[in-house]
Amino acid sequence: MMVPQNFNRRHSPNRRKTRVDATILLDGRYHAVTIRDVSFEGMKLQVPCPIPPGSPITVHVLDQQIPAIVHWNKPPYAGIHMLERLDGQTLIALETAD
């Protein structure tokens, strides 16, 4: 099977735009970030500094700690893949929190 050249594996039909302030824990230090979009399995974060792909992080938002891995980085943004799928209530809360 041939993959179309315009294939974008970062695209998610369930991605929802938002603007929610959060904190990430990276290498033992906390950094303020903004969640710019969210889906059941990932987020796009606006970050203050580049984060290498493959870096483990924990997102602290809405009284939750969400473990994730940085999937891509294109300053000032980073895409993360969460290690556990978000539940529907948390997704809706993040979508409507802005």
Protein backbone atom coordinates (compact mmCIF):
# COMPACT_ATOMS: atom_id res chain seq x y z
CA MET A 1 0.00 0.00 0.00
CA MET A 2 1.39 3.37 -0.97
CA VAL A 3 1.13 6.27 1.49
CA PRO A 4 0.09 9.60 -0.10
CA GLN A 5 2.85 12.22 -0.11
CA ASN A 6 0.67 14.67 1.81
CA PHE A 7 0.17 12.17 4.65
CA ASN A 8 0.50 13.92 8.02
CA ARG A 9 0.75 11.49 10.89
CA ARG A 10 0.28 14.34 13.40
CA HIS A 11 -3.26 14.91 12.12
CA SER A 12 -6.00 13.70 14.41
CA PRO A 13 -9.67 14.07 13.44
CA ASN A 14 -10.48 14.23 17.17
CA ARG A 15 -8.09 17.11 17.88
CA ARG A 16 -9.77 20.04 19.64
CA LYS A 17 -8.36 23.56 19.84
CA THR A 18 -8.01 25.05 23.29
CA ARG A 19 -5.88 27.47 25.29
CA VAL A 20 -5.21 26.15 28.78
CA ASP A 21 -2.30 27.07 31.04
CA ALA A 22 -0.47 24.06 32.45
CA THR A 23 2.87 23.03 33.91
CA ILE A 24 5.18 20.30 32.72
CA LEU A 25 7.81 18.43 34.69
CA LEU A 26 10.89 17.88 32.53
CA ASP A 27 14.21 16.64 33.87
CA GLY A 28 13.20 17.47 37.45
CA ARG A 29 12.23 21.07 36.66
CA TYR A 30 8.80 22.65 36.21
CA HIS A 31 8.02 24.80 33.17
CA ALA A 32 4.89 26.84 32.41
CA VAL A 33 3.26 25.87 29.09
CA THR A 34 0.01 26.45 27.25
CA ILE A 35 -2.01 23.56 25.82
CA ARG A 36 -3.05 24.69 22.30
CA ASP A 37 -4.91 21.57 21.18
CA VAL A 38 -5.83 18.24 22.68
CA SER A 39 -7.09 14.84 21.60
CA PHE A 40 -7.63 11.57 23.44
CA GLU A 41 -3.99 10.57 22.88
CA GLY A 42 -1.98 13.76 22.43
CA MET A 43 -1.52 17.48 22.90
CA LYS A 44 0.13 20.39 21.19
CA LEU A 45 1.95 22.52 23.74
CA GLN A 46 3.31 26.03 23.46
CA VAL A 47 6.63 25.71 25.27
CA PRO A 48 9.24 28.24 26.50
CA CYS A 49 12.22 26.24 25.19
CA PRO A 50 12.86 23.40 22.72
CA ILE A 51 12.23 19.91 24.10
CA PRO A 52 13.97 17.03 22.33
CA PRO A 53 11.67 14.36 20.86
CA GLY A 54 11.67 11.25 23.04
CA SER A 55 11.85 13.25 26.27
CA PRO A 56 9.53 11.95 29.01
CA ILE A 57 7.40 14.68 30.64
CA THR A 58 4.48 14.94 33.02
CA VAL A 59 1.74 17.48 32.28
CA HIS A 60 0.12 18.99 35.38
CA VAL A 61 -3.32 20.40 34.55
CA LEU A 62 -6.78 20.40 36.14
CA ASP A 63 -5.46 18.64 39.26
CA GLN A 64 -4.17 15.77 37.12
CA GLN A 65 -0.72 14.45 36.31
CA ILE A 66 -0.52 13.13 32.76
CA PRO A 67 2.63 11.20 31.78
CA ALA A 68 3.68 11.67 28.16
CA ILE A 69 6.52 11.49 25.65
CA VAL A 70 7.50 14.40 23.38
CA HIS A 71 6.77 13.27 19.83
CA TRP A 72 7.87 16.34 17.85
CA ASN A 73 9.27 19.80 18.44
CA LYS A 74 8.95 22.87 16.25
CA PRO A 75 9.57 25.96 18.44
CA PRO A 76 7.61 27.41 20.08
CA TYR A 77 5.49 24.24 19.95
CA ALA A 78 5.92 20.60 20.91
CA GLY A 79 3.63 17.65 20.24
CA ILE A 80 3.25 15.02 22.92
CA HIS A 81 1.83 11.53 23.02
CA MET A 82 0.21 10.64 26.33
CA LEU A 83 1.05 7.27 27.81
CA GLU A 84 -2.60 6.72 28.75
CA ARG A 85 -5.61 7.79 26.73
CA LEU A 86 -7.58 10.71 28.25
CA ASP A 87 -11.08 9.98 29.46
CA GLY A 88 -13.95 11.88 27.86
CA GLN A 89 -14.62 14.12 30.87
CA THR A 90 -11.02 15.34 31.01
CA LEU A 91 -10.98 15.97 27.26
CA ILE A 92 -14.15 18.06 27.49
CA ALA A 93 -12.80 19.93 30.53
CA LEU A 94 -9.62 20.82 28.63
CA GLU A 95 -11.56 21.78 25.53
CA THR A 96 -13.84 24.15 27.43
CA ALA A 97 -11.34 25.48 30.00
CA ASP A 98 -10.14 28.38 27.86
